[in-house]
Amino acid sequence: MQITITSRNTELTPAIRDHVNDRLTAALDQHVSHVSDVDVLLEDINGPRGGEDQFCRVTVQLNGGQTLHHERTDSDLYVNISLIADKVKQRVGREVGKIKQSR
């Protein structure tokens, strides 16, 4: 599983990169054999004006060709990443369960 992180209008610090990698790796660890790629987009929508403008989109490519998308906006980037990782874990688990039942 490869995680690719892209940022727009926000600095991608080593701490943010580590947080994204740690949270998504932990979230997808039990389904790693079903996941081929994970793309993460981090964006500061409003720039320095503040507010709930930290946008995060995670796209998960499953081995069977299915693509899952989840996005969220919050004022705190770290919280946003953690919450979206939890949602991605649930969604991937649900989809992998459907794949296993169909076999």
N, C-alpha and C. Protein backbone atom coordinates (compact mmCIF):
# COMPACT_ATOMS: atom_id res chain seq x y z
N MET A 1 0.85 -1.17 0.00
CA MET A 1 0.00 0.00 0.00
C MET A 1 0.89 1.23 0.00
N GLN A 2 0.63 2.10 -0.94
CA GLN A 2 1.40 3.33 -1.03
C GLN A 2 0.51 4.52 -0.71
N ILE A 3 0.99 5.42 0.16
CA ILE A 3 0.26 6.62 0.53
C ILE A 3 0.94 7.81 -0.12
N THR A 4 0.19 8.56 -0.93
CA THR A 4 0.69 9.75 -1.60
C THR A 4 -0.02 10.96 -1.00
N ILE A 5 0.75 11.95 -0.55
CA ILE A 5 0.18 13.14 0.09
C ILE A 5 0.49 14.36 -0.77
N THR A 6 -0.56 15.13 -1.08
CA THR A 6 -0.43 16.36 -1.84
C THR A 6 -1.03 17.49 -1.01
N SER A 7 -0.40 18.66 -1.05
CA SER A 7 -0.95 19.81 -0.31
C SER A 7 -1.11 21.00 -1.24
N ARG A 8 -2.13 21.79 -0.96
CA ARG A 8 -2.39 23.03 -1.69
C ARG A 8 -2.62 24.13 -0.66
N ASN A 9 -1.94 25.24 -0.82
CA ASN A 9 -2.11 26.41 0.03
C ASN A 9 -1.82 26.15 1.50
N THR A 10 -1.10 25.09 1.80
CA THR A 10 -0.71 24.80 3.18
C THR A 10 0.64 24.10 3.15
N GLU A 11 1.42 24.34 4.18
CA GLU A 11 2.74 23.75 4.25
C GLU A 11 2.64 22.30 4.72
N LEU A 12 3.28 21.42 3.99
CA LEU A 12 3.28 20.00 4.35
C LEU A 12 4.54 19.74 5.18
N THR A 13 4.41 19.90 6.48
CA THR A 13 5.54 19.72 7.38
C THR A 13 5.79 18.23 7.62
N PRO A 14 6.98 17.88 8.09
CA PRO A 14 7.24 16.48 8.43
C PRO A 14 6.28 15.94 9.49
N ALA A 15 5.86 16.79 10.43
CA ALA A 15 4.92 16.36 11.46
C ALA A 15 3.56 16.00 10.86
N ILE A 16 3.08 16.81 9.93
CA ILE A 16 1.80 16.52 9.27
C ILE A 16 1.92 15.26 8.43
N ARG A 17 3.02 15.14 7.68
CA ARG A 17 3.25 13.95 6.85
C ARG A 17 3.27 12.69 7.72
N ASP A 18 3.96 12.75 8.86
CA ASP A 18 4.03 11.60 9.77
C ASP A 18 2.65 11.27 10.34
N HIS A 19 1.89 12.31 10.70
CA HIS A 19 0.56 12.10 11.26
C HIS A 19 -0.36 11.41 10.24
N VAL A 20 -0.33 11.87 9.00
CA VAL A 20 -1.14 11.26 7.94
C VAL A 20 -0.73 9.81 7.75
N ASN A 21 0.57 9.56 7.62
CA ASN A 21 1.05 8.19 7.41
C ASN A 21 0.70 7.28 8.59
N ASP A 22 0.90 7.77 9.81
CA ASP A 22 0.61 6.95 11.00
C ASP A 22 -0.87 6.62 11.11
N ARG A 23 -1.72 7.63 10.95
CA ARG A 23 -3.16 7.42 11.12
C ARG A 23 -3.73 6.52 10.03
N LEU A 24 -3.35 6.75 8.78
CA LEU A 24 -3.90 5.93 7.70
C LEU A 24 -3.33 4.52 7.69
N THR A 25 -2.07 4.38 8.04
CA THR A 25 -1.48 3.04 8.13
C THR A 25 -2.16 2.24 9.23
N ALA A 26 -2.40 2.86 10.37
CA ALA A 26 -3.09 2.17 11.47
C ALA A 26 -4.54 1.85 11.09
N ALA A 27 -5.20 2.77 10.40
CA ALA A 27 -6.60 2.58 10.03
C ALA A 27 -6.78 1.46 9.01
N LEU A 28 -5.83 1.34 8.10
CA LEU A 28 -5.97 0.37 7.01
C LEU A 28 -5.14 -0.88 7.19
N ASP A 29 -4.48 -1.01 8.32
CA ASP A 29 -3.55 -2.12 8.57
C ASP A 29 -4.18 -3.49 8.37
N GLN A 30 -5.38 -3.71 8.89
CA GLN A 30 -5.97 -5.03 8.79
C GLN A 30 -6.49 -5.34 7.38
N HIS A 31 -6.59 -4.33 6.53
CA HIS A 31 -7.07 -4.53 5.16
C HIS A 31 -5.99 -4.22 4.13
N VAL A 32 -4.75 -4.19 4.54
CA VAL A 32 -3.66 -3.78 3.66
C VAL A 32 -3.55 -4.67 2.42
N SER A 33 -3.95 -5.92 2.52
CA SER A 33 -3.87 -6.81 1.36
C SER A 33 -4.92 -6.48 0.30
N HIS A 34 -5.93 -5.68 0.65
CA HIS A 34 -6.99 -5.31 -0.29
C HIS A 34 -6.83 -3.90 -0.84
N VAL A 35 -5.85 -3.15 -0.31
CA VAL A 35 -5.68 -1.74 -0.69
C VAL A 35 -4.41 -1.61 -1.52
N SER A 36 -4.52 -0.97 -2.69
CA SER A 36 -3.33 -0.78 -3.50
C SER A 36 -2.72 0.61 -3.32
N ASP A 37 -3.55 1.66 -3.37
CA ASP A 37 -3.04 3.02 -3.25
C ASP A 37 -3.96 3.87 -2.39
N VAL A 38 -3.36 4.85 -1.72
CA VAL A 38 -4.11 5.84 -0.96
C VAL A 38 -3.57 7.21 -1.35
N ASP A 39 -4.46 8.08 -1.82
CA ASP A 39 -4.08 9.45 -2.17
C ASP A 39 -4.74 10.40 -1.19
N VAL A 40 -3.95 11.33 -0.66
CA VAL A 40 -4.44 12.30 0.32
C VAL A 40 -4.19 13.70 -0.22
N LEU A 41 -5.24 14.52 -0.19
CA LEU A 41 -5.12 15.92 -0.57
C LEU A 41 -5.43 16.76 0.66
N LEU A 42 -4.50 17.64 1.02
CA LEU A 42 -4.68 18.57 2.13
C LEU A 42 -4.70 19.97 1.55
N GLU A 43 -5.70 20.78 1.95
CA GLU A 43 -5.81 22.11 1.38
C GLU A 43 -6.35 23.09 2.42
N ASP A 44 -5.76 24.29 2.44
CA ASP A 44 -6.25 25.39 3.26
C ASP A 44 -7.11 26.25 2.34
N ILE A 45 -8.42 26.13 2.46
CA ILE A 45 -9.35 26.76 1.53
C ILE A 45 -9.33 28.29 1.64
N ASN A 46 -9.38 28.83 2.85
CA ASN A 46 -9.48 30.28 3.05
C ASN A 46 -8.13 30.98 3.20
N GLY A 47 -7.05 30.24 3.20
CA GLY A 47 -5.75 30.86 3.41
C GLY A 47 -5.63 31.36 4.85
N PRO A 48 -5.03 32.51 5.06
CA PRO A 48 -4.78 32.99 6.42
C PRO A 48 -6.01 33.57 7.12
N ARG A 49 -7.16 33.58 6.48
CA ARG A 49 -8.36 34.16 7.10
C ARG A 49 -8.91 33.33 8.24
N GLY A 50 -8.57 32.05 8.31
CA GLY A 50 -9.02 31.20 9.40
C GLY A 50 -10.38 30.58 9.13
N GLY A 51 -10.96 30.03 10.18
CA GLY A 51 -12.26 29.38 10.06
C GLY A 51 -12.11 27.90 9.77
N GLU A 52 -13.26 27.27 9.53
CA GLU A 52 -13.25 25.84 9.21
C GLU A 52 -12.86 25.67 7.75
N ASP A 53 -11.57 25.69 7.52
CA ASP A 53 -11.10 25.71 6.14
C ASP A 53 -10.00 24.71 5.84
N GLN A 54 -9.74 23.80 6.76
CA GLN A 54 -8.73 22.77 6.51
C GLN A 54 -9.43 21.57 5.85
N PHE A 55 -9.26 21.45 4.55
CA PHE A 55 -9.92 20.43 3.75
C PHE A 55 -9.01 19.22 3.60
N CYS A 56 -9.58 18.04 3.72
CA CYS A 56 -8.83 16.79 3.55
C CYS A 56 -9.68 15.84 2.72
N ARG A 57 -9.09 15.30 1.65
CA ARG A 57 -9.75 14.28 0.83
C ARG A 57 -8.85 13.06 0.77
N VAL A 58 -9.43 11.91 1.05
CA VAL A 58 -8.69 10.64 0.98
C VAL A 58 -9.37 9.78 -0.08
N THR A 59 -8.58 9.29 -1.02
CA THR A 59 -9.05 8.39 -2.06
C THR A 59 -8.31 7.07 -1.89
N VAL A 60 -9.07 6.00 -1.73
CA VAL A 60 -8.51 4.66 -1.52
C VAL A 60 -8.83 3.81 -2.74
N GLN A 61 -7.80 3.25 -3.34
CA GLN A 61 -7.95 2.37 -4.49
C GLN A 61 -7.83 0.93 -3.98
N LEU A 62 -8.92 0.17 -4.11
CA LEU A 62 -8.89 -1.23 -3.71
C LEU A 62 -8.34 -2.09 -4.85
N ASN A 63 -7.84 -3.26 -4.52
CA ASN A 63 -7.22 -4.13 -5.52
C ASN A 63 -8.20 -4.57 -6.61
N GLY A 64 -9.47 -4.66 -6.31
CA GLY A 64 -10.46 -5.08 -7.30
C GLY A 64 -10.85 -3.98 -8.27
N GLY A 65 -10.24 -2.81 -8.15
CA GLY A 65 -10.55 -1.71 -9.05
C GLY A 65 -11.51 -0.69 -8.48
N GLN A 66 -12.09 -0.97 -7.34
CA GLN A 66 -13.04 -0.05 -6.72
C GLN A 66 -12.29 1.12 -6.08
N THR A 67 -12.86 2.33 -6.21
CA THR A 67 -12.26 3.53 -5.64
C THR A 67 -13.22 4.12 -4.61
N LEU A 68 -12.71 4.40 -3.42
CA LEU A 68 -13.50 4.99 -2.35
C LEU A 68 -12.99 6.40 -2.07
N HIS A 69 -13.91 7.35 -1.91
CA HIS A 69 -13.54 8.73 -1.64
C HIS A 69 -14.17 9.16 -0.31
N HIS A 70 -13.43 9.93 0.45
CA HIS A 70 -14.00 10.53 1.65
C HIS A 70 -13.34 11.88 1.84
N GLU A 71 -14.14 12.90 2.16
CA GLU A 71 -13.58 14.22 2.37
C GLU A 71 -14.24 14.88 3.56
N ARG A 72 -13.50 15.83 4.13
CA ARG A 72 -13.96 16.49 5.36
C ARG A 72 -13.28 17.84 5.47
N THR A 73 -13.98 18.81 6.08
CA THR A 73 -13.42 20.13 6.34
C THR A 73 -13.55 20.43 7.82
N ASP A 74 -12.50 20.97 8.42
CA ASP A 74 -12.48 21.29 9.85
C ASP A 74 -11.51 22.43 10.07
N SER A 75 -11.52 22.98 11.26
CA SER A 75 -10.58 24.07 11.57
C SER A 75 -9.22 23.56 11.99
N ASP A 76 -9.13 22.33 12.49
CA ASP A 76 -7.87 21.74 12.96
C ASP A 76 -7.48 20.60 12.02
N LEU A 77 -6.34 20.74 11.36
CA LEU A 77 -5.91 19.77 10.37
C LEU A 77 -5.64 18.40 10.99
N TYR A 78 -5.03 18.37 12.18
CA TYR A 78 -4.71 17.09 12.82
C TYR A 78 -5.98 16.33 13.21
N VAL A 79 -6.95 17.03 13.76
CA VAL A 79 -8.24 16.41 14.11
C VAL A 79 -8.92 15.93 12.84
N ASN A 80 -8.88 16.74 11.81
CA ASN A 80 -9.50 16.40 10.53
C ASN A 80 -8.92 15.09 9.98
N ILE A 81 -7.61 14.97 10.00
CA ILE A 81 -6.94 13.76 9.51
C ILE A 81 -7.33 12.55 10.35
N SER A 82 -7.36 12.70 11.66
CA SER A 82 -7.71 11.58 12.54
C SER A 82 -9.14 11.12 12.31
N LEU A 83 -10.07 12.06 12.20
CA LEU A 83 -11.48 11.70 11.99
C LEU A 83 -11.71 11.07 10.62
N ILE A 84 -11.05 11.59 9.62
CA ILE A 84 -11.22 11.02 8.28
C ILE A 84 -10.59 9.63 8.21
N ALA A 85 -9.51 9.39 8.93
CA ALA A 85 -8.90 8.05 8.97
C ALA A 85 -9.86 7.04 9.59
N ASP A 86 -10.58 7.46 10.64
CA ASP A 86 -11.57 6.57 11.26
C ASP A 86 -12.70 6.23 10.28
N LYS A 87 -13.17 7.22 9.54
CA LYS A 87 -14.23 6.99 8.57
C LYS A 87 -13.75 6.09 7.42
N VAL A 88 -12.53 6.31 6.98
CA VAL A 88 -11.97 5.49 5.90
C VAL A 88 -11.84 4.04 6.37
N LYS A 89 -11.43 3.84 7.62
CA LYS A 89 -11.30 2.49 8.17
C LYS A 89 -12.66 1.78 8.13
N GLN A 90 -13.72 2.47 8.55
CA GLN A 90 -15.06 1.88 8.55
C GLN A 90 -15.51 1.54 7.14
N ARG A 91 -15.31 2.47 6.24
CA ARG A 91 -15.79 2.29 4.86
C ARG A 91 -15.03 1.18 4.15
N VAL A 92 -13.72 1.15 4.30
CA VAL A 92 -12.93 0.09 3.66
C VAL A 92 -13.31 -1.27 4.26
N GLY A 93 -13.47 -1.32 5.58
CA GLY A 93 -13.89 -2.56 6.22
C GLY A 93 -15.22 -3.06 5.70
N ARG A 94 -16.16 -2.14 5.51
CA ARG A 94 -17.47 -2.50 4.98
C ARG A 94 -17.36 -3.02 3.54
N GLU A 95 -16.58 -2.36 2.71
CA GLU A 95 -16.43 -2.78 1.32
C GLU A 95 -15.68 -4.10 1.20
N VAL A 96 -14.65 -4.30 2.00
CA VAL A 96 -13.91 -5.56 1.99
C VAL A 96 -14.82 -6.70 2.46
N GLY A 97 -15.67 -6.41 3.44
CA GLY A 97 -16.63 -7.41 3.91
C GLY A 97 -17.58 -7.82 2.80
N LYS A 98 -18.04 -6.87 2.01
CA LYS A 98 -18.92 -7.17 0.87
C LYS A 98 -18.20 -8.03 -0.16
N ILE A 99 -16.93 -7.72 -0.40
CA ILE A 99 -16.14 -8.50 -1.36
C ILE A 99 -16.00 -9.94 -0.87
N LYS A 100 -15.70 -10.10 0.41
CA LYS A 100 -15.51 -11.45 0.98
C LYS A 100 -16.81 -12.25 0.95
N GLN A 101 -17.95 -11.58 1.20
CA GLN A 101 -19.25 -12.29 1.18
C GLN A 101 -19.63 -12.73 -0.22
N SER A 102 -19.25 -11.96 -1.22
CA SER A 102 -19.62 -12.31 -2.58
C SER A 102 -18.81 -13.49 -3.14
N ARG A 103 -17.71 -13.77 -2.49
CA ARG A 103 -16.88 -14.90 -2.95
C ARG A 103 -17.43 -16.14 -2.41
